[in-house]
C-alpha atoms as a PDB file:
ATOM      1  CA  MET A   1     -47.162 -37.867   1.676  1.00  0.00           C
ATOM      2  CA  THR A   2     -45.346 -35.828   4.353  1.00  0.00           C
ATOM      3  CA  ASP A   3     -47.539 -33.130   5.849  1.00  0.00           C
ATOM      4  CA  ASN A   4     -45.738 -30.574   8.036  1.00  0.00           C
ATOM      5  CA  ARG A   5     -48.456 -27.957   7.873  1.00  0.00           C
ATOM      6  CA  VAL A   6     -49.464 -26.060  10.970  1.00  0.00           C
ATOM      7  CA  ALA A   7     -53.170 -25.232  10.922  1.00  0.00           C
ATOM      8  CA  PRO A   8     -53.861 -21.510  11.260  1.00  0.00           C
ATOM      9  CA  PRO A   9     -55.327 -20.527  14.614  1.00  0.00           C
ATOM     10  CA  TYR A  10     -59.053 -19.921  14.948  1.00  0.00           C
ATOM     11  CA  VAL A  11     -58.370 -16.808  16.999  1.00  0.00           C
ATOM     12  CA  ALA A  12     -55.438 -14.450  16.403  1.00  0.00           C
ATOM     13  CA  ASP A  13     -54.704 -10.853  15.657  1.00  0.00           C
ATOM     14  CA  GLU A  14     -54.801  -9.809  12.002  1.00  0.00           C
ATOM     15  CA  VAL A  15     -51.039  -9.990  11.478  1.00  0.00           C
ATOM     16  CA  GLY A  16     -50.818 -13.460  13.013  1.00  0.00           C
ATOM     17  CA  MET A  17     -53.840 -14.679  11.079  1.00  0.00           C
ATOM     18  CA  LEU A  18     -52.569 -13.461   7.686  1.00  0.00           C
ATOM     19  CA  ARG A  19     -49.051 -14.787   8.220  1.00  0.00           C
ATOM     20  CA  SER A  20     -50.243 -18.177   9.429  1.00  0.00           C
ATOM     21  CA  TRP A  21     -52.633 -18.594   6.489  1.00  0.00           C
ATOM     22  CA  LEU A  22     -49.882 -17.654   4.036  1.00  0.00           C
ATOM     23  CA  ASP A  23     -47.491 -20.130   5.649  1.00  0.00           C
ATOM     24  CA  PHE A  24     -50.200 -22.816   5.620  1.00  0.00           C
ATOM     25  CA  HIS A  25     -50.769 -22.341   1.891  1.00  0.00           C
ATOM     26  CA  ARG A  26     -47.041 -22.296   1.151  1.00  0.00           C
ATOM     27  CA  GLU A  27     -46.681 -25.594   2.978  1.00  0.00           C
ATOM     28  CA  THR A  28     -49.760 -26.992   1.184  1.00  0.00           C
ATOM     29  CA  LEU A  29     -47.976 -26.617  -2.149  1.00  0.00           C
ATOM     30  CA  ALA A  30     -44.949 -28.387  -0.657  1.00  0.00           C
ATOM     31  CA  VAL A  31     -47.195 -31.244   0.514  1.00  0.00           C
ATOM     32  CA  LYS A  32     -48.635 -31.607  -3.010  1.00  0.00           C
ATOM     33  CA  CYS A  33     -45.079 -32.004  -4.368  1.00  0.00           C
ATOM     34  CA  ALA A  34     -43.778 -34.338  -1.650  1.00  0.00           C
ATOM     35  CA  GLY A  35     -42.657 -37.827  -2.592  1.00  0.00           C
ATOM     36  CA  LEU A  36     -42.748 -37.356  -6.356  1.00  0.00           C
ATOM     37  CA  SER A  37     -39.913 -37.926  -8.795  1.00  0.00           C
ATOM     38  CA  GLU A  38     -38.417 -35.251 -11.010  1.00  0.00           C
ATOM     39  CA  ARG A  39     -40.375 -36.671 -13.944  1.00  0.00           C
ATOM     40  CA  GLN A  40     -43.646 -36.670 -12.007  1.00  0.00           C
ATOM     41  CA  LEU A  41     -43.169 -33.089 -10.827  1.00  0.00           C
ATOM     42  CA  ALA A  42     -42.721 -31.989 -14.436  1.00  0.00           C
ATOM     43  CA  LEU A  43     -45.741 -33.909 -15.788  1.00  0.00           C
ATOM     44  CA  ARG A  44     -48.521 -31.852 -17.399  1.00  0.00           C
ATOM     45  CA  PRO A  45     -51.407 -34.266 -16.947  1.00  0.00           C
ATOM     46  CA  CYS A  46     -54.279 -31.895 -17.692  1.00  0.00           C
ATOM     47  CA  ALA A  47     -53.879 -31.167 -21.391  1.00  0.00           C
ATOM     48  CA  PRO A  48     -54.121 -28.754 -23.026  1.00  0.00           C
ATOM     49  CA  SER A  49     -52.910 -26.885 -19.923  1.00  0.00           C
ATOM     50  CA  THR A  50     -49.145 -26.580 -19.458  1.00  0.00           C
ATOM     51  CA  LEU A  51     -49.512 -26.599 -15.657  1.00  0.00           C
ATOM     52  CA  SER A  52     -47.294 -28.950 -13.685  1.00  0.00           C
ATOM     53  CA  LEU A  53     -46.400 -29.106 -10.032  1.00  0.00           C
ATOM     54  CA  LEU A  54     -42.871 -28.013 -10.886  1.00  0.00           C
ATOM     55  CA  GLY A  55     -44.258 -25.102 -12.910  1.00  0.00           C
ATOM     56  CA  LEU A  56     -46.426 -24.055  -9.983  1.00  0.00           C
ATOM     57  CA  VAL A  57     -43.404 -24.073  -7.654  1.00  0.00           C
ATOM     58  CA  ARG A  58     -41.425 -21.998 -10.138  1.00  0.00           C
ATOM     59  CA  HIS A  59     -44.366 -19.629 -10.641  1.00  0.00           C
ATOM     60  CA  MET A  60     -44.786 -19.076  -6.921  1.00  0.00           C
ATOM     61  CA  THR A  61     -41.057 -18.356  -6.634  1.00  0.00           C
ATOM     62  CA  GLU A  62     -41.528 -15.607  -9.211  1.00  0.00           C
ATOM     63  CA  VAL A  63     -44.627 -14.305  -7.422  1.00  0.00           C
ATOM     64  CA  GLU A  64     -42.901 -14.237  -4.014  1.00  0.00           C
ATOM     65  CA  GLN A  65     -39.992 -12.302  -5.497  1.00  0.00           C
ATOM     66  CA  HIS A  66     -42.185  -9.880  -7.402  1.00  0.00           C
ATOM     67  CA  TRP A  67     -44.532  -8.869  -4.598  1.00  0.00           C
ATOM     68  CA  PHE A  68     -42.135  -8.849  -1.696  1.00  0.00           C
ATOM     69  CA  HIS A  69     -38.807  -7.798  -3.210  1.00  0.00           C
ATOM     70  CA  ASN A  70     -39.912  -5.683  -6.159  1.00  0.00           C
ATOM     71  CA  ILE A  71     -43.173  -4.117  -4.970  1.00  0.00           C
ATOM     72  CA  LEU A  72     -42.804  -4.041  -1.151  1.00  0.00           C
ATOM     73  CA  GLY A  73     -39.010  -3.642  -1.077  1.00  0.00           C
ATOM     74  CA  GLY A  74     -38.677  -1.450  -4.151  1.00  0.00           C
ATOM     75  CA  GLU A  75     -35.997  -3.637  -5.693  1.00  0.00           C
ATOM     76  CA  ASP A  76     -35.648  -4.308  -9.391  1.00  0.00           C
ATOM     77  CA  ARG A  77     -34.987  -8.031  -9.492  1.00  0.00           C
ATOM     78  CA  PRO A  78     -35.380  -9.600 -12.920  1.00  0.00           C
ATOM     79  CA  SER A  79     -37.604 -12.619 -13.491  1.00  0.00           C
ATOM     80  CA  ILE A  80     -36.087 -15.911 -12.442  1.00  0.00           C
ATOM     81  CA  TYR A  81     -37.615 -18.198 -15.054  1.00  0.00           C
ATOM     82  CA  CYS A  82     -39.612 -15.967 -17.390  1.00  0.00           C
ATOM     83  CA  THR A  83     -38.003 -14.263 -20.368  1.00  0.00           C
ATOM     84  CA  GLU A  84     -38.948 -11.642 -22.921  1.00  0.00           C
ATOM     85  CA  GLN A  85     -39.408 -14.490 -25.414  1.00  0.00           C
ATOM     86  CA  ASP A  86     -41.502 -16.597 -23.011  1.00  0.00           C
ATOM     87  CA  ARG A  87     -43.428 -14.686 -20.373  1.00  0.00           C
ATOM     88  CA  ASP A  88     -44.668 -18.051 -19.079  1.00  0.00           C
ATOM     89  CA  GLY A  89     -41.166 -19.475 -18.747  1.00  0.00           C
ATOM     90  CA  ASP A  90     -41.931 -20.512 -15.172  1.00  0.00           C
ATOM     91  CA  PHE A  91     -44.391 -23.027 -16.596  1.00  0.00           C
ATOM     92  CA  ASP A  92     -42.898 -23.627 -20.050  1.00  0.00           C
ATOM     93  CA  LEU A  93     -39.119 -23.772 -19.631  1.00  0.00           C
ATOM     94  CA  LEU A  94     -38.929 -26.579 -17.098  1.00  0.00           C
ATOM     95  CA  GLY A  95     -35.588 -27.869 -18.349  1.00  0.00           C
ATOM     96  CA  SER A  96     -33.733 -24.737 -17.209  1.00  0.00           C
ATOM     97  CA  CYS A  97     -33.031 -26.282 -13.795  1.00  0.00           C
ATOM     98  CA  SER A  98     -33.749 -29.465 -11.861  1.00  0.00           C
ATOM     99  CA  ALA A  99     -36.799 -29.889  -9.674  1.00  0.00           C
ATOM    100  CA  GLU A 100     -34.512 -30.067  -6.655  1.00  0.00           C
ATOM    101  CA  GLU A 101     -32.924 -26.725  -7.581  1.00  0.00           C
ATOM    102  CA  ALA A 102     -36.333 -25.119  -8.203  1.00  0.00           C
ATOM    103  CA  ILE A 103     -37.759 -26.301  -4.901  1.00  0.00           C
ATOM    104  CA  ALA A 104     -34.644 -25.172  -3.019  1.00  0.00           C
ATOM    105  CA  ARG A 105     -34.873 -21.755  -4.676  1.00  0.00           C
ATOM    106  CA  TRP A 106     -38.566 -21.485  -3.770  1.00  0.00           C
ATOM    107  CA  HIS A 107     -37.831 -22.272  -0.111  1.00  0.00           C
ATOM    108  CA  ALA A 108     -34.906 -19.823  -0.096  1.00  0.00           C
ATOM    109  CA  GLU A 109     -37.122 -17.135  -1.616  1.00  0.00           C
ATOM    110  CA  ILE A 110     -39.754 -17.683   1.086  1.00  0.00           C
ATOM    111  CA  ASP A 111     -37.151 -17.551   3.815  1.00  0.00           C
ATOM    112  CA  GLY A 112     -35.739 -14.342   2.359  1.00  0.00           C
ATOM    113  CA  VAL A 113     -39.034 -12.511   1.950  1.00  0.00           C
ATOM    114  CA  ARG A 114     -40.164 -13.297   5.480  1.00  0.00           C
ATOM    115  CA  GLY A 115     -37.398 -10.990   6.691  1.00  0.00           C
ATOM    116  CA  LEU A 116     -38.683  -8.186   4.473  1.00  0.00           C
ATOM    117  CA  TYR A 117     -42.061  -7.995   6.159  1.00  0.00           C
ATOM    118  CA  ALA A 118     -41.386  -9.446   9.623  1.00  0.00           C
ATOM    119  CA  GLU A 119     -41.395  -6.119  11.449  1.00  0.00           C
ATOM    120  CA  LEU A 120     -43.584  -4.041   9.131  1.00  0.00           C
ATOM    121  CA  PRO A 121     -47.114  -2.955  10.037  1.00  0.00           C
ATOM    122  CA  LEU A 122     -49.868  -4.091   7.706  1.00  0.00           C
ATOM    123  CA  GLU A 123     -50.370  -0.485   6.640  1.00  0.00           C
ATOM    124  CA  ALA A 124     -46.793  -0.230   5.316  1.00  0.00           C
ATOM    125  CA  LEU A 125     -46.787   0.750   1.667  1.00  0.00           C
ATOM    126  CA  GLY A 126     -44.615  -0.850  -0.946  1.00  0.00           C
ATOM    127  CA  ARG A 127     -41.740   1.211  -2.222  1.00  0.00           C
ATOM    128  CA  ARG A 128     -43.064   0.634  -5.734  1.00  0.00           C
ATOM    129  CA  GLN A 129     -46.552   1.185  -7.053  1.00  0.00           C
ATOM    130  CA  ARG A 130     -48.550  -1.380  -8.991  1.00  0.00           C
ATOM    131  CA  ARG A 131     -50.410  -0.024 -12.002  1.00  0.00           C
ATOM    132  CA  GLY A 132     -50.030   3.520 -10.631  1.00  0.00           C
ATOM    133  CA  ALA A 133     -51.401   2.764  -7.181  1.00  0.00           C
ATOM    134  CA  ASP A 134     -49.867   2.303  -3.759  1.00  0.00           C
ATOM    135  CA  VAL A 135     -49.975  -1.228  -2.387  1.00  0.00           C
ATOM    136  CA  SER A 136     -50.058  -2.053   1.326  1.00  0.00           C
ATOM    137  CA  LEU A 137     -48.437  -5.043   2.992  1.00  0.00           C
ATOM    138  CA  ARG A 138     -51.961  -6.108   4.032  1.00  0.00           C
ATOM    139  CA  TRP A 139     -53.020  -6.246   0.357  1.00  0.00           C
ATOM    140  CA  ILE A 140     -49.875  -8.165  -0.603  1.00  0.00           C
ATOM    141  CA  LEU A 141     -50.421 -10.776   2.141  1.00  0.00           C
ATOM    142  CA  VAL A 142     -54.094 -11.233   1.204  1.00  0.00           C
ATOM    143  CA  HIS A 143     -53.137 -11.460  -2.481  1.00  0.00           C
ATOM    144  CA  MET A 144     -50.447 -14.046  -1.747  1.00  0.00           C
ATOM    145  CA  ILE A 145     -52.932 -16.165   0.217  1.00  0.00           C
ATOM    146  CA  GLU A 146     -55.345 -15.952  -2.719  1.00  0.00           C
ATOM    147  CA  GLU A 147     -52.602 -16.776  -5.235  1.00  0.00           C
ATOM    148  CA  TYR A 148     -51.452 -19.852  -3.317  1.00  0.00           C
ATOM    149  CA  ALA A 149     -55.031 -21.002  -2.627  1.00  0.00           C
ATOM    150  CA  ARG A 150     -55.933 -20.807  -6.307  1.00  0.00           C
ATOM    151  CA  HIS A 151     -52.831 -22.631  -7.410  1.00  0.00           C
ATOM    152  CA  ASN A 152     -53.155 -25.218  -4.658  1.00  0.00           C
ATOM    153  CA  GLY A 153     -56.487 -26.112  -6.233  1.00  0.00           C
ATOM    154  CA  HIS A 154     -54.620 -26.705  -9.480  1.00  0.00           C
ATOM    155  CA  ALA A 155     -52.015 -28.720  -7.553  1.00  0.00           C
ATOM    156  CA  ASP A 156     -54.772 -30.918  -6.068  1.00  0.00           C
ATOM    157  CA  ILE A 157     -55.996 -31.879  -9.526  1.00  0.00           C
ATOM    158  CA  ILE A 158     -52.492 -32.373 -10.942  1.00  0.00           C
ATOM    159  CA  ARG A 159     -51.420 -34.563  -8.017  1.00  0.00           C
ATOM    160  CA  GLU A 160     -54.546 -36.699  -8.269  1.00  0.00           C
ATOM    161  CA  ARG A 161     -53.928 -37.183 -11.998  1.00  0.00           C
ATOM    162  CA  ILE A 162     -50.312 -38.227 -11.335  1.00  0.00           C
ATOM    163  CA  ASP A 163     -50.784 -40.838  -8.626  1.00  0.00           C
ATOM    164  CA  GLY A 164     -54.325 -40.692  -7.298  1.00  0.00           C
ATOM    165  CA  VAL A 165     -53.338 -38.946  -4.052  1.00  0.00           C
ATOM    166  CA  THR A 166     -55.952 -36.556  -2.749  1.00  0.00           C
ATOM    167  CA  GLY A 167     -56.169 -34.499   0.403  1.00  0.00           C
ATOM    168  CA  ASP A 168     -56.560 -31.090   1.952  1.00  0.00           C
END
């Protein structure tokens, strides 16, 4: 398994610490997917759950877009994989694109959102509210770290069920 992660520093300012932890967790999901076939990425080995590694990648693409483009940037981008008929389309509708396309889109989304927050202070407020409340970039970064960390735990279990590979 290819591991290109850069460990977050033990000492850094808050901005550097949050960004490095988010990047670490993004790359952790990539590591969990590395070296698997299209079929393996789409496997749902923990029935009755519909989670798959491919579904997690697609879900995190949706989450990146939602928090950074729609909430922070104030855009109104529609869901990528989810539909009115299937709000869990990121997990359920895996046949809508190939794994290669989904992973490329996830990486492109990450690259794009980095530019949205690169120069903003942590106190910057999103241009859209969430549930009637302002949301700061600091909150979004912490939430994204939490979201990736939680789903990387799922990815650990899924990967181990697929081929026995375990790791950090």
